[in-house]
Protein backbone atom coordinates (compact mmCIF):
# COMPACT_ATOMS: atom_id res chain seq x y z
CA MET A 1 127.76 54.44 109.16
CA SER A 2 125.73 55.39 112.21
CA SER A 3 124.32 58.91 112.16
CA PRO A 4 123.48 60.42 115.54
CA LEU A 5 121.60 63.71 115.20
CA PRO A 6 122.13 66.73 117.46
CA ARG A 7 118.36 67.22 117.76
CA PRO A 8 115.12 65.54 116.64
CA LEU A 9 114.74 65.50 112.87
CA TRP A 10 111.49 67.48 112.90
CA GLN A 11 113.30 70.31 114.68
CA ILE A 12 116.07 70.28 112.06
CA TYR A 13 113.34 70.44 109.40
CA LEU A 14 111.64 73.41 111.02
CA VAL A 15 114.87 75.37 111.56
CA PHE A 16 115.54 74.97 107.84
CA LEU A 17 111.91 75.16 106.75
CA VAL A 18 110.50 78.21 108.54
CA PRO A 19 112.79 80.79 106.88
CA MET A 20 112.28 79.07 103.52
CA VAL A 21 108.48 79.15 103.81
CA LEU A 22 108.63 82.78 104.84
CA SER A 23 110.90 83.49 101.86
CA ASN A 24 108.50 81.78 99.47
CA VAL A 25 105.58 83.65 101.01
CA LEU A 26 107.41 86.94 100.59
CA GLN A 27 108.28 86.07 97.00
CA GLY A 28 104.66 85.27 96.31
CA LEU A 29 103.52 88.28 98.30
CA SER A 30 105.21 90.54 95.82
CA GLY A 31 103.05 89.10 93.04
CA THR A 32 99.99 89.07 95.26
CA LEU A 33 100.34 92.71 96.24
CA ASN A 34 100.83 93.62 92.62
CA GLY A 35 97.64 91.73 91.79
CA ILE A 36 95.74 93.52 94.55
CA PHE A 37 97.03 96.94 93.51
CA ILE A 38 96.30 96.33 89.83
CA GLY A 39 92.89 94.75 90.45
CA GLN A 40 91.74 97.40 92.90
CA MET A 41 93.37 100.48 91.33
CA LEU A 42 93.28 99.65 87.61
CA GLY A 43 90.37 97.19 87.37
CA THR A 44 89.53 93.62 86.32
CA HIS A 45 90.71 94.12 82.73
CA ALA A 46 94.18 95.11 83.93
CA LEU A 47 94.33 92.06 86.22
CA ALA A 48 93.38 89.85 83.28
CA ALA A 49 96.23 91.33 81.24
CA VAL A 50 98.77 90.63 84.00
CA SER A 51 97.40 87.12 84.60
CA GLY A 52 97.94 86.24 80.97
CA MET A 53 101.67 86.89 81.41
CA PHE A 54 102.14 84.50 84.33
CA PRO A 55 102.73 81.26 82.37
CA ILE A 56 105.39 82.88 80.18
CA VAL A 57 107.32 84.18 83.19
CA PHE A 58 106.90 80.79 84.87
CA PHE A 59 108.37 79.11 81.77
CA PHE A 60 111.73 80.84 82.22
CA ILE A 61 111.61 80.57 86.00
CA SER A 62 111.06 76.83 85.50
CA LEU A 63 114.31 76.50 83.59
CA VAL A 64 116.22 78.23 86.37
CA ILE A 65 114.46 76.23 89.10
CA GLY A 66 115.55 73.06 87.32
CA LEU A 67 119.11 74.34 87.09
CA GLY A 68 119.01 75.33 90.75
CA ALA A 69 117.62 71.94 91.76
CA GLY A 70 120.54 70.15 90.14
CA ALA A 71 123.12 72.58 91.50
CA SER A 72 121.69 72.58 95.02
CA VAL A 73 121.80 68.78 95.19
CA LEU A 74 125.50 68.80 94.22
CA ILE A 75 126.20 71.73 96.55
CA GLY A 76 124.39 69.92 99.36
CA GLN A 77 126.52 66.81 98.85
CA ALA A 78 129.73 68.87 98.67
CA TRP A 79 128.72 70.83 101.78
CA GLY A 80 127.92 67.60 103.64
CA ALA A 81 131.42 66.38 102.68
CA HIS A 82 133.01 69.68 103.93
CA GLU A 83 134.37 70.77 100.52
CA PRO A 84 133.80 74.56 100.25
CA GLU A 85 135.90 75.02 97.08
CA LYS A 86 133.71 72.51 95.27
CA VAL A 87 130.65 74.38 96.55
CA ARG A 88 131.92 77.61 94.94
CA ALA A 89 132.84 75.91 91.68
CA ILE A 90 129.35 74.43 91.30
CA ALA A 91 127.72 77.76 92.19
CA GLY A 92 129.84 79.78 89.75
CA SER A 93 129.02 77.62 86.75
CA ALA A 94 125.32 77.54 87.60
CA LEU A 95 125.11 81.32 87.98
CA VAL A 96 126.68 81.98 84.58
CA LEU A 97 124.29 79.58 82.86
CA GLY A 98 121.34 81.15 84.70
CA ALA A 99 122.41 84.60 83.49
CA TRP A 100 122.44 83.38 79.88
CA ILE A 101 118.91 82.01 80.26
CA GLY A 102 117.84 85.46 81.47
CA VAL A 103 119.44 87.17 78.47
CA VAL A 104 117.65 84.82 76.08
CA ALA A 105 114.34 85.59 77.84
CA ALA A 106 114.93 89.34 77.50
CA VAL A 107 115.71 89.12 73.77
CA LEU A 108 112.71 86.92 73.06
CA GLY A 109 110.51 89.28 75.06
CA VAL A 110 111.48 92.26 72.94
CA LEU A 111 110.95 90.40 69.67
CA PHE A 112 108.00 88.11 70.25
CA ALA A 113 105.84 89.42 73.12
CA ARG A 114 102.80 90.23 70.95
CA PRO A 115 102.79 86.99 68.90
CA ALA A 116 103.19 85.00 72.13
CA MET A 117 100.25 86.70 73.85
CA GLN A 118 98.12 86.27 70.72
CA ALA A 119 99.04 82.59 70.52
CA LEU A 120 97.81 82.18 74.09
CA GLY A 121 94.43 83.53 73.05
CA THR A 122 94.69 86.64 75.23
CA PRO A 123 91.32 88.44 75.01
CA ALA A 124 91.42 91.31 72.51
CA ASP A 125 90.22 93.86 75.04
CA VAL A 126 93.38 93.37 77.17
CA LEU A 127 95.93 92.43 74.48
CA ASP A 128 97.77 95.78 74.23
CA ASP A 129 98.13 96.05 78.00
CA ALA A 130 99.26 92.43 78.25
CA VAL A 131 101.95 92.96 75.60
CA ALA A 132 103.25 96.12 77.29
CA TYR A 133 103.50 94.35 80.64
CA ALA A 134 105.11 91.25 79.07
CA ARG A 135 107.89 93.22 77.40
CA VAL A 136 108.99 94.93 80.60
CA MET A 137 108.76 91.73 82.67
CA LEU A 138 110.91 89.80 80.20
CA LEU A 139 113.48 92.59 80.03
CA ILE A 140 114.15 92.24 83.75
CA MET A 141 114.50 88.44 83.53
CA PRO A 142 118.34 88.37 83.75
CA LEU A 143 118.22 90.13 87.11
CA LEU A 144 115.24 88.16 88.41
CA LEU A 145 116.36 84.70 87.30
CA VAL A 146 119.89 84.97 88.68
CA PHE A 147 118.44 86.24 91.97
CA ILE A 148 116.08 83.24 92.20
CA LEU A 149 118.90 80.85 91.31
CA PHE A 150 121.27 82.34 93.87
CA THR A 151 118.72 81.91 96.66
CA GLN A 152 118.45 78.22 95.72
CA LEU A 153 122.22 77.82 95.91
CA LEU A 154 122.34 79.45 99.33
CA ARG A 155 119.82 76.90 100.59
CA GLY A 156 122.13 74.12 99.42
CA VAL A 157 124.53 75.14 102.22
CA SER A 158 121.66 75.35 104.73
CA ASP A 159 121.42 79.15 104.56
CA THR A 160 117.74 80.03 104.44
CA VAL A 161 118.07 83.27 106.40
CA SER A 162 119.96 85.33 103.79
CA PRO A 163 117.30 84.74 101.08
CA LEU A 164 114.62 85.63 103.62
CA LEU A 165 116.24 88.98 104.46
CA ALA A 166 116.79 89.85 100.79
CA LEU A 167 113.22 88.96 99.84
CA ALA A 168 111.84 90.92 102.80
CA LEU A 169 113.68 94.00 101.54
CA SER A 170 112.54 93.44 97.96
CA THR A 171 108.91 92.89 98.97
CA ALA A 172 108.85 95.98 101.18
CA LEU A 173 110.16 98.11 98.33
CA GLY A 174 107.61 96.62 95.93
CA LEU A 175 104.83 97.37 98.40
CA VAL A 176 105.74 101.06 98.21
CA LEU A 177 106.85 101.41 94.60
CA THR A 178 104.00 99.65 92.77
CA PRO A 179 101.21 101.97 94.00
CA ALA A 180 103.64 104.91 93.73
CA PHE A 181 104.14 104.20 90.02
CA ILE A 182 100.41 103.61 89.49
CA GLN A 183 99.40 106.90 91.11
CA GLY A 184 102.49 108.98 90.32
CA TRP A 185 103.33 109.69 93.96
CA LEU A 186 106.33 111.91 94.80
CA GLY A 187 106.56 113.10 91.21
CA LEU A 188 107.15 109.60 89.82
CA PRO A 189 105.78 108.86 86.33
CA ARG A 190 102.39 107.14 86.06
CA LEU A 191 103.28 103.78 84.53
CA GLY A 192 99.87 102.09 84.57
CA ILE A 193 99.94 98.33 84.13
CA GLN A 194 103.74 98.38 83.82
CA SER A 195 104.09 99.73 87.35
CA ALA A 196 104.56 96.33 88.97
CA ALA A 197 107.28 95.33 86.51
CA TYR A 198 109.31 98.51 87.01
CA ALA A 199 108.86 98.25 90.78
CA GLY A 200 110.24 94.72 90.55
CA LEU A 201 113.28 95.94 88.64
CA VAL A 202 114.19 98.44 91.35
CA SER A 203 113.36 96.04 94.20
CA TYR A 204 115.47 93.14 92.96
CA ALA A 205 118.39 95.43 92.14
CA VAL A 206 118.40 96.75 95.70
CA ALA A 207 118.07 93.20 97.08
CA TRP A 208 121.14 92.17 95.08
CA VAL A 209 123.17 95.03 96.52
CA PHE A 210 122.08 93.96 100.00
CA LEU A 211 123.11 90.34 99.40
CA VAL A 212 126.57 91.37 98.23
CA TRP A 213 127.06 93.40 101.41
CA TRP A 214 125.44 90.90 103.79
CA LEU A 215 127.27 87.79 102.59
CA GLY A 216 130.60 89.62 102.44
CA ARG A 217 130.14 90.88 105.98
CA ARG A 218 129.51 87.32 107.21
CA ARG A 219 132.42 85.86 105.17
CA HIS A 220 129.90 83.43 103.72
CA VAL A 221 131.09 80.49 101.61
CA LEU A 222 129.06 81.96 98.72
CA ALA A 223 129.99 85.60 99.35
CA LEU A 224 130.41 87.47 96.06
CA ASP A 225 134.14 87.94 96.56
CA ARG A 226 137.23 87.04 94.54
CA ALA A 227 136.97 83.36 95.45
CA LEU A 228 133.51 83.10 93.92
CA VAL A 229 134.16 85.48 91.03
CA ARG A 230 137.02 83.22 89.87
CA THR A 231 134.49 80.40 89.44
CA LEU A 232 132.11 82.43 87.25
CA ARG A 233 132.63 80.48 84.06
CA LEU A 234 130.95 77.65 82.19
CA ASP A 235 132.79 74.62 83.56
CA TRP A 236 131.24 71.90 81.42
CA ALA A 237 132.50 69.06 83.60
CA ILE A 238 130.57 70.53 86.51
CA LEU A 239 127.60 71.56 84.41
CA ALA A 240 127.32 68.03 83.01
CA LYS A 241 126.67 66.79 86.55
CA VAL A 242 124.38 69.71 87.33
CA LEU A 243 122.37 69.17 84.15
CA ARG A 244 122.17 65.42 84.72
CA ILE A 245 119.90 66.25 87.67
CA GLY A 246 118.73 69.72 86.76
CA LEU A 247 117.83 69.20 83.12
CA PRO A 248 115.15 66.55 83.79
CA THR A 249 113.83 68.70 86.62
CA GLY A 250 113.87 71.74 84.33
CA VAL A 251 112.15 69.82 81.55
CA GLN A 252 109.51 68.73 84.04
CA MET A 253 109.01 72.33 85.16
CA VAL A 254 108.88 73.54 81.56
CA VAL A 255 106.27 70.93 80.68
CA ILE A 256 104.27 72.08 83.69
CA SER A 257 104.53 75.66 82.44
CA VAL A 258 103.56 74.62 78.91
CA SER A 259 100.58 72.76 80.32
CA GLU A 260 99.67 75.96 82.16
CA LEU A 261 99.76 77.75 78.81
CA VAL A 262 97.34 75.19 77.41
CA ILE A 263 95.13 75.51 80.48
CA LEU A 264 95.25 79.30 80.19
CA ALA A 265 94.31 79.11 76.52
CA LEU A 266 91.27 77.00 77.48
CA VAL A 267 90.39 79.49 80.22
CA ASN A 268 90.84 82.46 77.87
CA GLY A 269 88.23 80.92 75.63
CA HIS A 270 85.68 81.74 78.33
CA GLY A 271 86.47 85.49 78.25
CA SER A 272 88.39 88.07 80.26
CA GLN A 273 86.36 87.50 83.45
CA ALA A 274 87.38 83.85 83.46
CA THR A 275 91.00 84.93 82.91
CA ALA A 276 90.80 87.27 85.90
CA ALA A 277 89.28 84.45 88.00
CA TYR A 278 92.15 82.21 86.91
CA GLY A 279 94.68 84.83 88.06
CA ALA A 280 93.03 85.24 91.46
CA VAL A 281 92.73 81.49 92.09
CA THR A 282 96.38 81.04 91.10
CA GLN A 283 97.41 83.58 93.72
CA VAL A 284 95.59 81.73 96.52
CA VAL A 285 96.81 78.32 95.36
CA ASN A 286 100.41 79.55 95.38
CA TYR A 287 100.27 80.25 99.11
CA VAL A 288 98.99 76.77 99.89
CA GLN A 289 101.65 75.22 97.67
CA PHE A 290 104.55 77.19 99.18
CA PRO A 291 104.88 75.02 102.33
CA ALA A 292 104.46 71.81 100.31
CA LEU A 293 107.21 72.84 97.89
CA SER A 294 109.41 74.10 100.72
CA ILE A 295 109.06 70.81 102.59
CA ALA A 296 110.03 68.91 99.43
CA ILE A 297 113.06 71.16 98.86
CA THR A 298 114.10 70.77 102.50
CA ALA A 299 113.79 66.98 102.23
CA SER A 300 115.95 67.01 99.09
CA ILE A 301 118.69 69.19 100.57
CA LEU A 302 118.81 67.34 103.91
CA ALA A 303 118.97 64.07 102.00
CA ALA A 304 121.76 65.39 99.74
CA GLN A 305 123.80 66.57 102.73
CA SER A 306 123.30 63.20 104.41
CA ILE A 307 124.48 61.38 101.28
CA GLY A 308 127.52 63.68 101.03
CA GLY A 309 128.39 63.00 104.66
CA GLY A 310 127.93 59.23 104.25
CA TYR A 311 124.79 59.02 106.43
CA VAL A 312 122.51 57.12 104.07
CA ASP A 313 120.52 55.64 106.96
CA ARG A 314 118.95 59.10 107.53
CA LEU A 315 117.05 59.05 104.22
CA GLY A 316 114.06 57.04 105.47
CA PRO A 317 113.46 59.26 108.53
CA ILE A 318 113.90 62.37 106.36
CA LEU A 319 111.15 61.14 104.01
CA ARG A 320 108.74 60.18 106.79
CA THR A 321 109.23 63.48 108.61
CA GLY A 322 108.60 65.41 105.39
CA LEU A 323 105.35 63.54 104.75
CA TRP A 324 104.05 64.19 108.27
CA LEU A 325 104.95 67.88 108.07
CA ASN A 326 103.14 68.15 104.73
CA LEU A 327 100.06 66.59 106.29
CA ALA A 328 100.13 68.99 109.23
CA ILE A 329 101.13 72.25 107.53
CA THR A 330 99.68 71.96 104.03
CA GLY A 331 96.58 70.25 105.37
CA SER A 332 95.95 73.14 107.77
CA LEU A 333 96.32 75.68 104.96
CA VAL A 334 93.91 73.74 102.76
CA LEU A 335 91.27 73.88 105.50
CA ALA A 336 91.93 77.60 106.01
CA GLY A 337 91.63 78.14 102.26
CA TYR A 338 88.16 76.64 102.19
CA GLY A 339 87.04 78.65 105.19
CA LEU A 340 88.40 81.99 103.98
CA SER A 341 88.09 81.62 100.20
CA HIS A 342 85.40 84.30 99.82
CA HIS A 343 87.50 86.90 101.63
CA LEU A 344 90.81 85.90 100.04
CA LEU A 345 89.48 86.11 96.49
CA GLY A 346 87.83 89.41 97.33
CA LEU A 347 91.30 90.91 97.71
CA PHE A 348 91.79 90.57 93.94
CA LEU A 349 88.34 90.67 92.43
CA THR A 350 85.90 93.53 92.79
CA GLN A 351 83.08 92.17 90.62
CA PRO A 352 80.80 89.84 92.66
CA GLU A 353 80.02 87.48 89.79
CA VAL A 354 83.71 86.98 89.00
CA ARG A 355 84.49 86.36 92.67
CA VAL A 356 81.76 83.71 92.94
CA GLN A 357 83.09 81.99 89.83
CA ALA A 358 86.65 82.01 91.20
CA GLU A 359 85.47 80.60 94.54
CA GLN A 360 83.82 77.64 92.82
CA LEU A 361 87.01 76.90 90.89
CA LEU A 362 89.19 77.13 94.01
CA HIS A 363 86.95 74.70 95.90
CA ILE A 364 87.29 72.13 93.13
CA MET A 365 91.07 71.77 93.37
CA LEU A 366 92.20 73.09 96.76
CA TRP A 367 92.17 69.73 98.56
CA SER A 368 94.44 68.16 95.92
CA LEU A 369 97.35 70.39 96.93
CA LEU A 370 97.86 68.07 99.92
CA VAL A 371 98.28 65.19 97.46
CA PHE A 372 100.64 67.34 95.40
CA GLY A 373 102.79 67.87 98.49
CA PHE A 374 103.07 64.16 99.27
CA GLN A 375 104.35 63.29 95.80
CA ALA A 376 106.73 66.28 95.82
CA VAL A 377 108.40 65.06 99.04
CA VAL A 378 108.85 61.55 97.65
CA GLY A 379 110.35 62.95 94.45
CA GLY A 380 112.60 65.34 96.39
CA VAL A 381 114.28 62.56 98.36
CA MET A 382 114.87 60.52 95.21
CA ARG A 383 116.30 63.57 93.42
CA ALA A 384 118.88 64.02 96.20
CA SER A 385 120.47 60.74 95.12
CA GLY A 386 120.55 61.77 91.45
CA VAL A 387 117.52 59.69 90.46
CA VAL A 388 115.43 62.01 88.31
CA LEU A 389 114.60 60.39 84.97
CA VAL A 390 111.83 58.05 86.10
CA PRO A 391 110.20 60.59 88.47
CA MET A 392 110.33 63.08 85.59
CA ALA A 393 108.76 60.57 83.20
CA ILE A 394 105.98 59.93 85.70
CA SER A 395 105.26 63.65 86.02
CA LEU A 396 105.28 64.15 82.26
CA PHE A 397 102.89 61.27 81.74
CA CYS A 398 100.51 62.61 84.38
CA ILE A 399 100.58 66.10 82.86
CA LEU A 400 100.55 65.29 79.15
CA GLY A 401 98.72 61.99 79.27
CA VAL A 402 96.23 62.74 82.05
CA GLN A 403 95.81 66.40 82.97
CA LEU A 404 95.61 68.01 79.52
CA PRO A 405 93.30 65.40 77.93
CA VAL A 406 91.01 65.44 80.99
CA ALA A 407 90.93 69.27 80.95
CA SER A 408 90.10 69.38 77.25
CA VAL A 409 87.38 66.72 77.42
CA LEU A 410 85.75 68.10 80.57
CA ASP A 411 85.93 71.67 79.26
CA ALA A 412 83.83 70.60 76.29
CA ARG A 413 81.35 68.76 78.53
CA MET A 414 81.24 70.83 81.75
CA GLY A 415 82.69 74.22 80.84
CA LEU A 416 85.17 76.11 83.02
CA ALA A 417 84.77 73.84 86.06
CA GLY A 418 85.86 70.84 84.01
CA ILE A 419 89.26 72.43 83.38
CA TRP A 420 89.95 72.62 87.11
CA ILE A 421 88.91 69.03 87.83
CA ALA A 422 91.92 67.94 85.77
CA PHE A 423 94.32 69.18 88.49
CA PRO A 424 93.31 66.74 91.27
CA VAL A 425 93.10 63.89 88.76
CA ALA A 426 96.71 64.52 87.68
CA TYR A 427 98.02 64.94 91.23
CA LEU A 428 96.48 61.66 92.38
CA CYS A 429 98.05 59.89 89.41
CA MET A 430 101.46 61.38 90.28
CA LEU A 431 101.24 60.24 93.90
CA VAL A 432 100.31 56.66 93.04
CA LEU A 433 103.07 56.25 90.45
CA GLN A 434 105.83 58.08 92.38
CA THR A 435 105.11 56.05 95.52
CA GLY A 436 105.06 52.83 93.52
CA TYR A 437 108.48 53.58 92.00
CA TYR A 438 109.93 54.58 95.37
CA GLN A 439 108.72 51.42 97.11
CA GLY A 440 109.40 49.00 94.27
CA VAL A 441 112.69 50.28 92.85
CA TRP A 442 114.41 53.24 94.51
CA ARG A 443 114.53 51.81 98.05
CA HIS A 444 116.57 48.87 96.75
CA ARG A 445 119.22 50.96 94.98
CA ARG A 446 122.73 51.60 96.24
CA ILE A 447 123.02 55.30 97.14
CA ARG A 448 126.35 56.96 96.26
CA ARG A 449 127.81 60.48 96.18
CA LEU A 450 127.66 62.35 92.87
CA VAL A 451 130.58 64.74 93.57
């Protein structure tokens, strides 16, 4: 079927992409501001305690991102086929499962926060603070995870503006509440290192209330009204299709988070200053990765909608446009990261020797984020057609069979810098293998709707 487009494909990308990038930046900005407030107002030890929690939070977020990836592909295909009732049914089942993942995270956080932080090798001088922060963060997981999942589902129907508005509200509240809880402004209790977690609880709750009002006012297909509430149940026929795509993606994300735990354990072996450097570098890297990930998500959703509408001939142009945008946008941010690294890391780190160490680590891996973006776009287009097992296997091999062994060996030989060299090695391996599978196998498959 021929597929005339109302405008050039790069313009369609940007209309979809710009709000999504801004949303991701705002989502990351919340964590960044918390890091700045904690590092500047409570010190390096407090930042190290918070940084040690990141991989555990990312573990549960990974599960939900995988679930959302599967659901958004199916929603995209249903939306492309003009089937709004199917869109709601998929969303309702996914949201209930996401809520259960959040409840499990909260229970585990209450019971096992200290053993988990000890198993990660959290330095003894920040262990108590890290445990206190971990418990509060995991208690708010049901609210946070369902919020993240819902924003993914909205993007499946090409709505990137509603998540942007909700995240802007949440970030603005966090910007005020975190320092207010740290300092006890306006009679609020001084909550110390837990300030950011409690600020997040209030911020996401308010953002949820806003979304309910905003989507209802617009009579959105995913408005939280009776039509959607009726679908809030575990429909296993739908979830089987969601999990067919989402489970491999979730497993991939979980393995990435587990690998981050291993990397963090190696970093922790170098002391609390190295842990603080790790946290600061992670913050900067996140902002360079946001556009790359957003481009890959956009490619996947546009491809899913094209498949749902029967316009399979659009898939090649969607892939090529995504790769060029990654080169232009992510490449520009990589160059900016090198030029501004000293100033960016100085936002988090007050000790000169720790900042110098973090800058060296950032310079080792920053360029490889461009490579990461290329392979993510290729994988995103393949995922839109339901092909996830081989791309997942490639990612797992590159993480478990390449990144972790290289990090361990080079840590023993080169110290802290050797750990970071493992990232570009793994990303290059992913790009070569993903591209090889795309060119040799996927392009020759027959592409069909999944719903």
